[in-house]
Amino acid sequence: MVYVGIALFVECKNEKLILAEIKSRNVPISIRQVGYLAKKFIVYLALAHKESRGKIKEQLSLKGGYILHSDGTCEGDSPHLMSAPDEIAQIVSDNIKIPSEKADKIIPFLKRI
C-alpha cells in the first residue's frame, strides 16, 4: 500500500507503470488492486494527519510559524489530493481529498489550516 501511494502521489507514476513494477517483483496483483491500494493509502494518510493536527500545530508554533505551500495532485478524473506542507520544517500540516481545485473547494481547506 505504501509503495503504491508513494509511486502514485510522490513519484507521479501511473497505475499501469506501478502494476508493471510490482509484477516484475513476482507479486500477483491486478490494476484494480493497485487502484484500491492507492485509495486505501489516501484514507490512512488523511487519518494520520487528522490525528496529528495538534502535534503538528505545536511543532510549527515552536519554530515561530510556517511558510505554507499548497499543492494538489490527481490521477485522471479522480479527486485531487490537496496537501499543505511547510517547506522549511518538511512537515505536511494538512491534506484533503477534494473534487477540484476551484476556490470554493480550496478556501475551506486553507481556513482549517
PDB file of N, CA and C in Angstrom:
ATOM      1  N   MET A   1       0.823  -1.176   0.000  1.00  0.00           N
ATOM      2  CA  MET A   1       0.000   0.000   0.000  1.00  0.00           C
ATOM      3  C   MET A   1       0.880   1.259   0.000  1.00  0.00           C
ATOM      4  N   VAL A   2       1.905   1.282   0.837  1.00  0.00           N
ATOM      5  CA  VAL A   2       2.792   2.438   0.904  1.00  0.00           C
ATOM      6  C   VAL A   2       3.555   2.600  -0.404  1.00  0.00           C
ATOM      7  N   TYR A   3       4.029   1.490  -0.960  1.00  0.00           N
ATOM      8  CA  TYR A   3       4.753   1.547  -2.235  1.00  0.00           C
ATOM      9  C   TYR A   3       3.871   2.171  -3.314  1.00  0.00           C
ATOM     10  N   VAL A   4       2.628   1.734  -3.406  1.00  0.00           N
ATOM     11  CA  VAL A   4       1.695   2.250  -4.407  1.00  0.00           C
ATOM     12  C   VAL A   4       1.439   3.730  -4.159  1.00  0.00           C
ATOM     13  N   GLY A   5       1.190   4.111  -2.919  1.00  0.00           N
ATOM     14  CA  GLY A   5       0.908   5.507  -2.598  1.00  0.00           C
ATOM     15  C   GLY A   5       2.059   6.429  -2.942  1.00  0.00           C
ATOM     16  N   ILE A   6       3.255   6.038  -2.588  1.00  0.00           N
ATOM     17  CA  ILE A   6       4.426   6.868  -2.891  1.00  0.00           C
ATOM     18  C   ILE A   6       4.667   6.934  -4.396  1.00  0.00           C
ATOM     19  N   ALA A   7       4.551   5.794  -5.056  1.00  0.00           N
ATOM     20  CA  ALA A   7       4.765   5.766  -6.508  1.00  0.00           C
ATOM     21  C   ALA A   7       3.760   6.668  -7.225  1.00  0.00           C
ATOM     22  N   LEU A   8       2.510   6.637  -6.789  1.00  0.00           N
ATOM     23  CA  LEU A   8       1.452   7.400  -7.447  1.00  0.00           C
ATOM     24  C   LEU A   8       1.503   8.876  -7.090  1.00  0.00           C
ATOM     25  N   PHE A   9       1.583   9.193  -5.810  1.00  0.00           N
ATOM     26  CA  PHE A   9       1.426  10.580  -5.383  1.00  0.00           C
ATOM     27  C   PHE A   9       2.728  11.349  -5.186  1.00  0.00           C
ATOM     28  N   VAL A  10       3.839  10.672  -5.007  1.00  0.00           N
ATOM     29  CA  VAL A  10       5.115  11.364  -4.850  1.00  0.00           C
ATOM     30  C   VAL A  10       5.921  11.285  -6.145  1.00  0.00           C
ATOM     31  N   GLU A  11       6.004  10.093  -6.706  1.00  0.00           N
ATOM     32  CA  GLU A  11       6.807   9.893  -7.911  1.00  0.00           C
ATOM     33  C   GLU A  11       6.004  10.115  -9.198  1.00  0.00           C
ATOM     34  N   CYS A  12       4.699  10.377  -9.066  1.00  0.00           N
ATOM     35  CA  CYS A  12       3.817  10.697 -10.200  1.00  0.00           C
ATOM     36  C   CYS A  12       3.765   9.606 -11.275  1.00  0.00           C
ATOM     37  N   LYS A  13       3.845   8.364 -10.852  1.00  0.00           N
ATOM     38  CA  LYS A  13       3.735   7.244 -11.783  1.00  0.00           C
ATOM     39  C   LYS A  13       2.262   6.895 -11.959  1.00  0.00           C
ATOM     40  N   ASN A  14       1.900   6.384 -13.126  1.00  0.00           N
ATOM     41  CA  ASN A  14       0.506   5.983 -13.329  1.00  0.00           C
ATOM     42  C   ASN A  14       0.299   4.538 -12.881  1.00  0.00           C
ATOM     43  N   GLU A  15      -0.954   4.153 -12.778  1.00  0.00           N
ATOM     44  CA  GLU A  15      -1.280   2.820 -12.252  1.00  0.00           C
ATOM     45  C   GLU A  15      -0.710   1.692 -13.107  1.00  0.00           C
ATOM     46  N   LYS A  16      -0.678   1.876 -14.424  1.00  0.00           N
ATOM     47  CA  LYS A  16      -0.143   0.821 -15.296  1.00  0.00           C
ATOM     48  C   LYS A  16       1.347   0.602 -15.054  1.00  0.00           C
ATOM     49  N   LEU A  17       2.087   1.689 -14.874  1.00  0.00           N
ATOM     50  CA  LEU A  17       3.521   1.570 -14.606  1.00  0.00           C
ATOM     51  C   LEU A  17       3.750   0.927 -13.242  1.00  0.00           C
ATOM     52  N   ILE A  18       2.972   1.332 -12.262  1.00  0.00           N
ATOM     53  CA  ILE A  18       3.092   0.755 -10.915  1.00  0.00           C
ATOM     54  C   ILE A  18       2.789  -0.737 -10.969  1.00  0.00           C
ATOM     55  N   LEU A  19       1.750  -1.111 -11.710  1.00  0.00           N
ATOM     56  CA  LEU A  19       1.386  -2.520 -11.872  1.00  0.00           C
ATOM     57  C   LEU A  19       2.551  -3.311 -12.465  1.00  0.00           C
ATOM     58  N   ALA A  20       3.161  -2.772 -13.501  1.00  0.00           N
ATOM     59  CA  ALA A  20       4.291  -3.461 -14.145  1.00  0.00           C
ATOM     60  C   ALA A  20       5.465  -3.616 -13.172  1.00  0.00           C
ATOM     61  N   GLU A  21       5.740  -2.582 -12.390  1.00  0.00           N
ATOM     62  CA  GLU A  21       6.845  -2.654 -11.429  1.00  0.00           C
ATOM     63  C   GLU A  21       6.586  -3.713 -10.353  1.00  0.00           C
ATOM     64  N   ILE A  22       5.361  -3.742  -9.861  1.00  0.00           N
ATOM     65  CA  ILE A  22       5.026  -4.719  -8.814  1.00  0.00           C
ATOM     66  C   ILE A  22       5.066  -6.139  -9.373  1.00  0.00           C
ATOM     67  N   LYS A  23       4.526  -6.313 -10.581  1.00  0.00           N
ATOM     68  CA  LYS A  23       4.534  -7.647 -11.198  1.00  0.00           C
ATOM     69  C   LYS A  23       5.958  -8.121 -11.491  1.00  0.00           C
ATOM     70  N   SER A  24       6.861  -7.184 -11.801  1.00  0.00           N
ATOM     71  CA  SER A  24       8.253  -7.570 -12.074  1.00  0.00           C
ATOM     72  C   SER A  24       8.932  -8.122 -10.826  1.00  0.00           C
ATOM     73  N   ARG A  25       8.323  -7.900  -9.683  1.00  0.00           N
ATOM     74  CA  ARG A  25       8.836  -8.424  -8.411  1.00  0.00           C
ATOM     75  C   ARG A  25       8.088  -9.692  -8.001  1.00  0.00           C
ATOM     76  N   ASN A  26       7.408 -10.287  -8.974  1.00  0.00           N
ATOM     77  CA  ASN A  26       6.673 -11.542  -8.788  1.00  0.00           C
ATOM     78  C   ASN A  26       5.555 -11.444  -7.746  1.00  0.00           C
ATOM     79  N   VAL A  27       4.897 -10.290  -7.708  1.00  0.00           N
ATOM     80  CA  VAL A  27       3.746 -10.105  -6.831  1.00  0.00           C
ATOM     81  C   VAL A  27       2.503 -10.133  -7.713  1.00  0.00           C
ATOM     82  N   PRO A  28       1.644 -11.128  -7.502  1.00  0.00           N
ATOM     83  CA  PRO A  28       0.428 -11.201  -8.324  1.00  0.00           C
ATOM     84  C   PRO A  28      -0.574 -10.135  -7.878  1.00  0.00           C
ATOM     85  N   ILE A  29      -0.854  -9.178  -8.772  1.00  0.00           N
ATOM     86  CA  ILE A  29      -1.749  -8.066  -8.443  1.00  0.00           C
ATOM     87  C   ILE A  29      -2.414  -7.584  -9.730  1.00  0.00           C
ATOM     88  N   SER A  30      -3.609  -7.053  -9.600  1.00  0.00           N
ATOM     89  CA  SER A  30      -4.331  -6.531 -10.755  1.00  0.00           C
ATOM     90  C   SER A  30      -4.332  -5.005 -10.723  1.00  0.00           C
ATOM     91  N   ILE A  31      -4.675  -4.399 -11.835  1.00  0.00           N
ATOM     92  CA  ILE A  31      -4.763  -2.940 -11.912  1.00  0.00           C
ATOM     93  C   ILE A  31      -5.826  -2.425 -10.945  1.00  0.00           C
ATOM     94  N   ARG A  32      -6.882  -3.196 -10.766  1.00  0.00           N
ATOM     95  CA  ARG A  32      -7.945  -2.823  -9.825  1.00  0.00           C
ATOM     96  C   ARG A  32      -7.406  -2.807  -8.385  1.00  0.00           C
ATOM     97  N   GLN A  33      -6.554  -3.763  -8.051  1.00  0.00           N
ATOM     98  CA  GLN A  33      -5.961  -3.807  -6.709  1.00  0.00           C
ATOM     99  C   GLN A  33      -4.997  -2.639  -6.490  1.00  0.00           C
ATOM    100  N   VAL A  34      -4.292  -2.242  -7.537  1.00  0.00           N
ATOM    101  CA  VAL A  34      -3.406  -1.078  -7.434  1.00  0.00           C
ATOM    102  C   VAL A  34      -4.238   0.160  -7.104  1.00  0.00           C
ATOM    103  N   GLY A  35      -5.346   0.337  -7.803  1.00  0.00           N
ATOM    104  CA  GLY A  35      -6.240   1.463  -7.530  1.00  0.00           C
ATOM    105  C   GLY A  35      -6.800   1.418  -6.117  1.00  0.00           C
ATOM    106  N   TYR A  36      -7.157   0.231  -5.658  1.00  0.00           N
ATOM    107  CA  TYR A  36      -7.680   0.063  -4.300  1.00  0.00           C
ATOM    108  C   TYR A  36      -6.621   0.431  -3.266  1.00  0.00           C
ATOM    109  N   LEU A  37      -5.386  -0.021  -3.478  1.00  0.00           N
ATOM    110  CA  LEU A  37      -4.301   0.304  -2.549  1.00  0.00           C
ATOM    111  C   LEU A  37      -4.022   1.802  -2.526  1.00  0.00           C
ATOM    112  N   ALA A  38      -4.142   2.475  -3.674  1.00  0.00           N
ATOM    113  CA  ALA A  38      -3.943   3.928  -3.727  1.00  0.00           C
ATOM    114  C   ALA A  38      -5.013   4.639  -2.898  1.00  0.00           C
ATOM    115  N   LYS A  39      -6.247   4.205  -3.030  1.00  0.00           N
ATOM    116  CA  LYS A  39      -7.340   4.814  -2.253  1.00  0.00           C
ATOM    117  C   LYS A  39      -7.150   4.553  -0.759  1.00  0.00           C
ATOM    118  N   LYS A  40      -6.743   3.351  -0.423  1.00  0.00           N
ATOM    119  CA  LYS A  40      -6.505   2.994   0.969  1.00  0.00           C
ATOM    120  C   LYS A  40      -5.369   3.843   1.553  1.00  0.00           C
ATOM    121  N   PHE A  41      -4.323   4.066   0.766  1.00  0.00           N
ATOM    122  CA  PHE A  41      -3.206   4.898   1.183  1.00  0.00           C
ATOM    123  C   PHE A  41      -3.681   6.302   1.532  1.00  0.00           C
ATOM    124  N   ILE A  42      -4.532   6.873   0.687  1.00  0.00           N
ATOM    125  CA  ILE A  42      -5.043   8.226   0.908  1.00  0.00           C
ATOM    126  C   ILE A  42      -5.867   8.290   2.192  1.00  0.00           C
ATOM    127  N   VAL A  43      -6.689   7.286   2.421  1.00  0.00           N
ATOM    128  CA  VAL A  43      -7.522   7.265   3.629  1.00  0.00           C
ATOM    129  C   VAL A  43      -6.638   7.215   4.873  1.00  0.00           C
ATOM    130  N   TYR A  44      -5.661   6.323   4.886  1.00  0.00           N
ATOM    131  CA  TYR A  44      -4.765   6.221   6.044  1.00  0.00           C
ATOM    132  C   TYR A  44      -3.948   7.500   6.233  1.00  0.00           C
ATOM    133  N   LEU A  45      -3.508   8.088   5.147  1.00  0.00           N
ATOM    134  CA  LEU A  45      -2.747   9.329   5.234  1.00  0.00           C
ATOM    135  C   LEU A  45      -3.605  10.438   5.834  1.00  0.00           C
ATOM    136  N   ALA A  46      -4.843  10.541   5.374  1.00  0.00           N
ATOM    137  CA  ALA A  46      -5.753  11.562   5.905  1.00  0.00           C
ATOM    138  C   ALA A  46      -6.030  11.328   7.387  1.00  0.00           C
ATOM    139  N   LEU A  47      -6.242  10.082   7.771  1.00  0.00           N
ATOM    140  CA  LEU A  47      -6.493   9.777   9.186  1.00  0.00           C
ATOM    141  C   LEU A  47      -5.275  10.099  10.053  1.00  0.00           C
ATOM    142  N   ALA A  48      -4.098   9.785   9.553  1.00  0.00           N
ATOM    143  CA  ALA A  48      -2.878  10.084  10.310  1.00  0.00           C
ATOM    144  C   ALA A  48      -2.714  11.589  10.505  1.00  0.00           C
ATOM    145  N   HIS A  49      -2.997  12.345   9.463  1.00  0.00           N
ATOM    146  CA  HIS A  49      -2.893  13.794   9.590  1.00  0.00           C
ATOM    147  C   HIS A  49      -3.942  14.352  10.544  1.00  0.00           C
ATOM    148  N   LYS A  50      -5.137  13.820  10.474  1.00  0.00           N
ATOM    149  CA  LYS A  50      -6.207  14.290  11.359  1.00  0.00           C
ATOM    150  C   LYS A  50      -5.838  14.044  12.818  1.00  0.00           C
ATOM    151  N   GLU A  51      -5.308  12.870  13.098  1.00  0.00           N
ATOM    152  CA  GLU A  51      -4.917  12.525  14.461  1.00  0.00           C
ATOM    153  C   GLU A  51      -3.707  13.338  14.942  1.00  0.00           C
ATOM    154  N   SER A  52      -2.904  13.834  14.029  1.00  0.00           N
ATOM    155  CA  SER A  52      -1.664  14.521  14.387  1.00  0.00           C
ATOM    156  C   SER A  52      -1.762  16.040  14.334  1.00  0.00           C
ATOM    157  N   ARG A  53      -2.924  16.585  14.014  1.00  0.00           N
ATOM    158  CA  ARG A  53      -3.049  18.039  13.850  1.00  0.00           C
ATOM    159  C   ARG A  53      -2.519  18.819  15.040  1.00  0.00           C
ATOM    160  N   GLY A  54      -2.880  18.407  16.244  1.00  0.00           N
ATOM    161  CA  GLY A  54      -2.428  19.122  17.436  1.00  0.00           C
ATOM    162  C   GLY A  54      -0.919  19.132  17.574  1.00  0.00           C
ATOM    163  N   LYS A  55      -0.302  17.983  17.368  1.00  0.00           N
ATOM    164  CA  LYS A  55       1.161  17.876  17.474  1.00  0.00           C
ATOM    165  C   LYS A  55       1.854  18.686  16.374  1.00  0.00           C
ATOM    166  N   ILE A  56       1.277  18.646  15.179  1.00  0.00           N
ATOM    167  CA  ILE A  56       1.859  19.407  14.066  1.00  0.00           C
ATOM    168  C   ILE A  56       1.784  20.894  14.366  1.00  0.00           C
ATOM    169  N   LYS A  57       0.621  21.359  14.827  1.00  0.00           N
ATOM    170  CA  LYS A  57       0.442  22.773  15.160  1.00  0.00           C
ATOM    171  C   LYS A  57       1.431  23.204  16.228  1.00  0.00           C
ATOM    172  N   GLU A  58       1.602  22.373  17.242  1.00  0.00           N
ATOM    173  CA  GLU A  58       2.534  22.665  18.324  1.00  0.00           C
ATOM    174  C   GLU A  58       3.964  22.792  17.800  1.00  0.00           C
ATOM    175  N   GLN A  59       4.384  21.859  16.967  1.00  0.00           N
ATOM    176  CA  GLN A  59       5.742  21.884  16.406  1.00  0.00           C
ATOM    177  C   GLN A  59       5.979  23.136  15.576  1.00  0.00           C
ATOM    178  N   LEU A  60       4.995  23.487  14.739  1.00  0.00           N
ATOM    179  CA  LEU A  60       5.144  24.664  13.889  1.00  0.00           C
ATOM    180  C   LEU A  60       5.178  25.938  14.726  1.00  0.00           C
ATOM    181  N   SER A  61       4.394  25.994  15.809  1.00  0.00           N
ATOM    182  CA  SER A  61       4.385  27.164  16.694  1.00  0.00           C
ATOM    183  C   SER A  61       5.724  27.326  17.395  1.00  0.00           C
ATOM    184  N   LEU A  62       6.322  26.221  17.805  1.00  0.00           N
ATOM    185  CA  LEU A  62       7.627  26.281  18.478  1.00  0.00           C
ATOM    186  C   LEU A  62       8.708  26.863  17.574  1.00  0.00           C
ATOM    187  N   LYS A  63       8.525  26.701  16.275  1.00  0.00           N
ATOM    188  CA  LYS A  63       9.517  27.209  15.320  1.00  0.00           C
ATOM    189  C   LYS A  63       9.171  28.614  14.828  1.00  0.00           C
ATOM    190  N   GLY A  64       8.145  29.234  15.443  1.00  0.00           N
ATOM    191  CA  GLY A  64       7.804  30.609  15.083  1.00  0.00           C
ATOM    192  C   GLY A  64       6.835  30.736  13.927  1.00  0.00           C
ATOM    193  N   GLY A  65       6.164  29.682  13.552  1.00  0.00           N
ATOM    194  CA  GLY A  65       5.205  29.742  12.453  1.00  0.00           C
ATOM    195  C   GLY A  65       5.641  28.855  11.300  1.00  0.00           C
ATOM    196  N   TYR A  66       5.118  29.151  10.138  1.00  0.00           N
ATOM    197  CA  TYR A  66       5.403  28.307   8.984  1.00  0.00           C
ATOM    198  C   TYR A  66       5.239  29.072   7.684  1.00  0.00           C
ATOM    199  N   ILE A  67       5.812  28.535   6.640  1.00  0.00           N
ATOM    200  CA  ILE A  67       5.610  29.031   5.279  1.00  0.00           C
ATOM    201  C   ILE A  67       4.745  28.003   4.591  1.00  0.00           C
ATOM    202  N   LEU A  68       3.551  28.418   4.227  1.00  0.00           N
ATOM    203  CA  LEU A  68       2.584  27.484   3.649  1.00  0.00           C
ATOM    204  C   LEU A  68       2.798  27.333   2.147  1.00  0.00           C
ATOM    205  N   HIS A  69       2.836  26.106   1.719  1.00  0.00           N
ATOM    206  CA  HIS A  69       2.899  25.755   0.304  1.00  0.00           C
ATOM    207  C   HIS A  69       1.759  24.791   0.076  1.00  0.00           C
ATOM    208  N   SER A  70       0.844  25.095  -0.814  1.00  0.00           N
ATOM    209  CA  SER A  70      -0.248  24.155  -1.075  1.00  0.00           C
ATOM    210  C   SER A  70      -0.116  23.614  -2.485  1.00  0.00           C
ATOM    211  N   ASP A  71      -0.482  22.358  -2.643  1.00  0.00           N
ATOM    212  CA  ASP A  71      -0.333  21.691  -3.937  1.00  0.00           C
ATOM    213  C   ASP A  71      -1.385  20.605  -4.059  1.00  0.00           C
ATOM    214  N   GLY A  72      -1.938  20.465  -5.236  1.00  0.00           N
ATOM    215  CA  GLY A  72      -2.920  19.420  -5.498  1.00  0.00           C
ATOM    216  C   GLY A  72      -2.424  18.486  -6.575  1.00  0.00           C
ATOM    217  N   THR A  73      -2.771  17.218  -6.443  1.00  0.00           N
ATOM    218  CA  THR A  73      -2.399  16.230  -7.446  1.00  0.00           C
ATOM    219  C   THR A  73      -3.550  15.266  -7.635  1.00  0.00           C
ATOM    220  N   CYS A  74      -3.657  14.720  -8.830  1.00  0.00           N
ATOM    221  CA  CYS A  74      -4.708  13.734  -9.081  1.00  0.00           C
ATOM    222  C   CYS A  74      -4.290  12.815 -10.221  1.00  0.00           C
ATOM    223  N   GLU A  75      -5.000  11.727 -10.341  1.00  0.00           N
ATOM    224  CA  GLU A  75      -4.774  10.741 -11.400  1.00  0.00           C
ATOM    225  C   GLU A  75      -6.010  10.746 -12.289  1.00  0.00           C
ATOM    226  N   GLY A  76      -5.890  11.270 -13.503  1.00  0.00           N
ATOM    227  CA  GLY A  76      -7.018  11.284 -14.432  1.00  0.00           C
ATOM    228  C   GLY A  76      -8.177  12.109 -13.903  1.00  0.00           C
ATOM    229  N   ASP A  77      -9.365  11.502 -13.875  1.00  0.00           N
ATOM    230  CA  ASP A  77     -10.567  12.189 -13.406  1.00  0.00           C
ATOM    231  C   ASP A  77     -10.832  11.984 -11.922  1.00  0.00           C
ATOM    232  N   SER A  78      -9.878  11.411 -11.203  1.00  0.00           N
ATOM    233  CA  SER A  78     -10.083  11.136  -9.782  1.00  0.00           C
ATOM    234  C   SER A  78     -10.030  12.433  -8.980  1.00  0.00           C
ATOM    235  N   PRO A  79     -10.512  12.411  -7.730  1.00  0.00           N
ATOM    236  CA  PRO A  79     -10.432  13.608  -6.889  1.00  0.00           C
ATOM    237  C   PRO A  79      -8.986  14.033  -6.658  1.00  0.00           C
ATOM    238  N   HIS A  80      -8.813  15.304  -6.358  1.00  0.00           N
ATOM    239  CA  HIS A  80      -7.488  15.854  -6.097  1.00  0.00           C
ATOM    240  C   HIS A  80      -7.089  15.592  -4.649  1.00  0.00           C
ATOM    241  N   LEU A  81      -5.829  15.323  -4.448  1.00  0.00           N
ATOM    242  CA  LEU A  81      -5.276  15.270  -3.105  1.00  0.00           C
ATOM    243  C   LEU A  81      -4.577  16.604  -2.910  1.00  0.00           C
ATOM    244  N   MET A  82      -5.159  17.451  -2.058  1.00  0.00           N
ATOM    245  CA  MET A  82      -4.592  18.769  -1.775  1.00  0.00           C
ATOM    246  C   MET A  82      -3.782  18.659  -0.497  1.00  0.00           C
ATOM    247  N   SER A  83      -2.521  19.035  -0.572  1.00  0.00           N
ATOM    248  CA  SER A  83      -1.629  18.968   0.586  1.00  0.00           C
ATOM    249  C   SER A  83      -1.079  20.359   0.887  1.00  0.00           C
ATOM    250  N   ALA A  84      -0.757  20.573   2.154  1.00  0.00           N
ATOM    251  CA  ALA A  84      -0.205  21.854   2.589  1.00  0.00           C
ATOM    252  C   ALA A  84       1.031  21.604   3.439  1.00  0.00           C
ATOM    253  N   PRO A  85       2.184  21.455   2.793  1.00  0.00           N
ATOM    254  CA  PRO A  85       3.413  21.245   3.566  1.00  0.00           C
ATOM    255  C   PRO A  85       4.087  22.557   3.945  1.00  0.00           C
ATOM    256  N   ASP A  86       4.785  22.541   5.061  1.00  0.00           N
ATOM    257  CA  ASP A  86       5.684  23.624   5.423  1.00  0.00           C
ATOM    258  C   ASP A  86       7.034  23.209   4.852  1.00  0.00           C
ATOM    259  N   GLU A  87       7.496  23.937   3.871  1.00  0.00           N
ATOM    260  CA  GLU A  87       8.705  23.549   3.152  1.00  0.00           C
ATOM    261  C   GLU A  87       9.962  23.604   4.016  1.00  0.00           C
ATOM    262  N   ILE A  88       9.986  24.466   5.022  1.00  0.00           N
ATOM    263  CA  ILE A  88      11.178  24.582   5.848  1.00  0.00           C
ATOM    264  C   ILE A  88      11.274  23.422   6.832  1.00  0.00           C
ATOM    265  N   ALA A  89      10.183  23.155   7.562  1.00  0.00           N
ATOM    266  CA  ALA A  89      10.189  22.077   8.559  1.00  0.00           C
ATOM    267  C   ALA A  89      10.003  20.697   7.927  1.00  0.00           C
ATOM    268  N   GLN A  90       9.620  20.674   6.655  1.00  0.00           N
ATOM    269  CA  GLN A  90       9.353  19.410   5.958  1.00  0.00           C
ATOM    270  C   GLN A  90       8.240  18.624   6.662  1.00  0.00           C
ATOM    271  N   ILE A  91       7.194  19.350   7.091  1.00  0.00           N
ATOM    272  CA  ILE A  91       6.033  18.752   7.734  1.00  0.00           C
ATOM    273  C   ILE A  91       4.804  19.087   6.911  1.00  0.00           C
ATOM    274  N   VAL A  92       3.987  18.099   6.644  1.00  0.00           N
ATOM    275  CA  VAL A  92       2.718  18.355   5.968  1.00  0.00           C
ATOM    276  C   VAL A  92       1.714  18.736   7.040  1.00  0.00           C
ATOM    277  N   SER A  93       1.243  19.981   6.989  1.00  0.00           N
ATOM    278  CA  SER A  93       0.337  20.461   8.024  1.00  0.00           C
ATOM    279  C   SER A  93      -1.063  19.882   7.873  1.00  0.00           C
ATOM    280  N   ASP A  94      -1.473  19.591   6.658  1.00  0.00           N
ATOM    281  CA  ASP A  94      -2.802  19.007   6.444  1.00  0.00           C
ATOM    282  C   ASP A  94      -2.915  18.551   4.999  1.00  0.00           C
ATOM    283  N   ASN A  95      -3.895  17.710   4.761  1.00  0.00           N
ATOM    284  CA  ASN A  95      -4.246  17.320   3.394  1.00  0.00           C
ATOM    285  C   ASN A  95      -5.714  16.961   3.357  1.00  0.00           C
ATOM    286  N   ILE A  96      -6.269  16.987   2.165  1.00  0.00           N
ATOM    287  CA  ILE A  96      -7.688  16.695   1.988  1.00  0.00           C
ATOM    288  C   ILE A  96      -7.914  16.211   0.561  1.00  0.00           C
ATOM    289  N   LYS A  97      -8.930  15.398   0.405  1.00  0.00           N
ATOM    290  CA  LYS A  97      -9.349  14.954  -0.918  1.00  0.00           C
ATOM    291  C   LYS A  97     -10.500  15.869  -1.344  1.00  0.00           C
ATOM    292  N   ILE A  98     -10.347  16.555  -2.474  1.00  0.00           N
ATOM    293  CA  ILE A  98     -11.377  17.462  -2.961  1.00  0.00           C
ATOM    294  C   ILE A  98     -11.687  17.152  -4.424  1.00  0.00           C
ATOM    295  N   PRO A  99     -12.920  17.465  -4.866  1.00  0.00           N
ATOM    296  CA  PRO A  99     -13.304  17.121  -6.239  1.00  0.00           C
ATOM    297  C   PRO A  99     -12.610  17.960  -7.308  1.00  0.00           C
ATOM    298  N   SER A 100     -12.175  19.186  -6.965  1.00  0.00           N
ATOM    299  CA  SER A 100     -11.489  20.036  -7.937  1.00  0.00           C
ATOM    300  C   SER A 100     -10.650  21.068  -7.200  1.00  0.00           C
ATOM    301  N   GLU A 101      -9.843  21.794  -7.949  1.00  0.00           N
ATOM    302  CA  GLU A 101      -9.011  22.832  -7.348  1.00  0.00           C
ATOM    303  C   GLU A 101      -9.661  24.209  -7.484  1.00  0.00           C
ATOM    304  N   LYS A 102     -10.971  24.234  -7.520  1.00  0.00           N
ATOM    305  CA  LYS A 102     -11.696  25.505  -7.586  1.00  0.00           C
ATOM    306  C   LYS A 102     -11.668  26.174  -6.215  1.00  0.00           C
ATOM    307  N   ALA A 103     -11.738  27.502  -6.226  1.00  0.00           N
ATOM    308  CA  ALA A 103     -11.619  28.287  -4.991  1.00  0.00           C
ATOM    309  C   ALA A 103     -12.602  27.853  -3.922  1.00  0.00           C
ATOM    310  N   ASP A 104     -13.853  27.564  -4.294  1.00  0.00           N
ATOM    311  CA  ASP A 104     -14.854  27.200  -3.282  1.00  0.00           C
ATOM    312  C   ASP A 104     -14.540  25.883  -2.588  1.00  0.00           C
ATOM    313  N   LYS A 105     -13.670  25.071  -3.162  1.00  0.00           N
ATOM    314  CA  LYS A 105     -13.235  23.815  -2.537  1.00  0.00           C
ATOM    315  C   LYS A 105     -11.957  24.006  -1.723  1.00  0.00           C
ATOM    316  N   ILE A 106     -11.086  24.910  -2.177  1.00  0.00           N
ATOM    317  CA  ILE A 106      -9.794  25.109  -1.524  1.00  0.00           C
ATOM    318  C   ILE A 106      -9.900  26.029  -0.305  1.00  0.00           C
ATOM    319  N   ILE A 107     -10.728  27.058  -0.372  1.00  0.00           N
ATOM    320  CA  ILE A 107     -10.813  28.050   0.709  1.00  0.00           C
ATOM    321  C   ILE A 107     -11.134  27.413   2.064  1.00  0.00           C
ATOM    322  N   PRO A 108     -12.133  26.514   2.180  1.00  0.00           N
ATOM    323  CA  PRO A 108     -12.378  25.898   3.492  1.00  0.00           C
ATOM    324  C   PRO A 108     -11.172  25.114   4.017  1.00  0.00           C
ATOM    325  N   PHE A 109     -10.446  24.482   3.122  1.00  0.00           N
ATOM    326  CA  PHE A 109      -9.231  23.755   3.498  1.00  0.00           C
ATOM    327  C   PHE A 109      -8.187  24.715   4.076  1.00  0.00           C
ATOM    328  N   LEU A 110      -7.972  25.837   3.390  1.00  0.00           N
ATOM    329  CA  LEU A 110      -6.985  26.814   3.858  1.00  0.00           C
ATOM    330  C   LEU A 110      -7.408  27.455   5.179  1.00  0.00           C
ATOM    331  N   LYS A 111      -8.695  27.713   5.347  1.00  0.00           N
ATOM    332  CA  LYS A 111      -9.192  28.283   6.603  1.00  0.00           C
ATOM    333  C   LYS A 111      -8.979  27.305   7.766  1.00  0.00           C
ATOM    334  N   ARG A 112      -9.132  26.023   7.487  1.00  0.00           N
ATOM    335  CA  ARG A 112      -8.943  24.999   8.515  1.00  0.00           C
ATOM    336  C   ARG A 112      -7.490  24.980   8.980  1.00  0.00           C
ATOM    337  N   ILE A 113      -6.572  25.216   8.061  1.00  0.00           N
ATOM    338  CA  ILE A 113      -5.150  25.220   8.415  1.00  0.00           C
ATOM    339  C   ILE A 113      -4.848  26.407   9.297  1.00  0.00           C
TER     340      ILE A 113
END
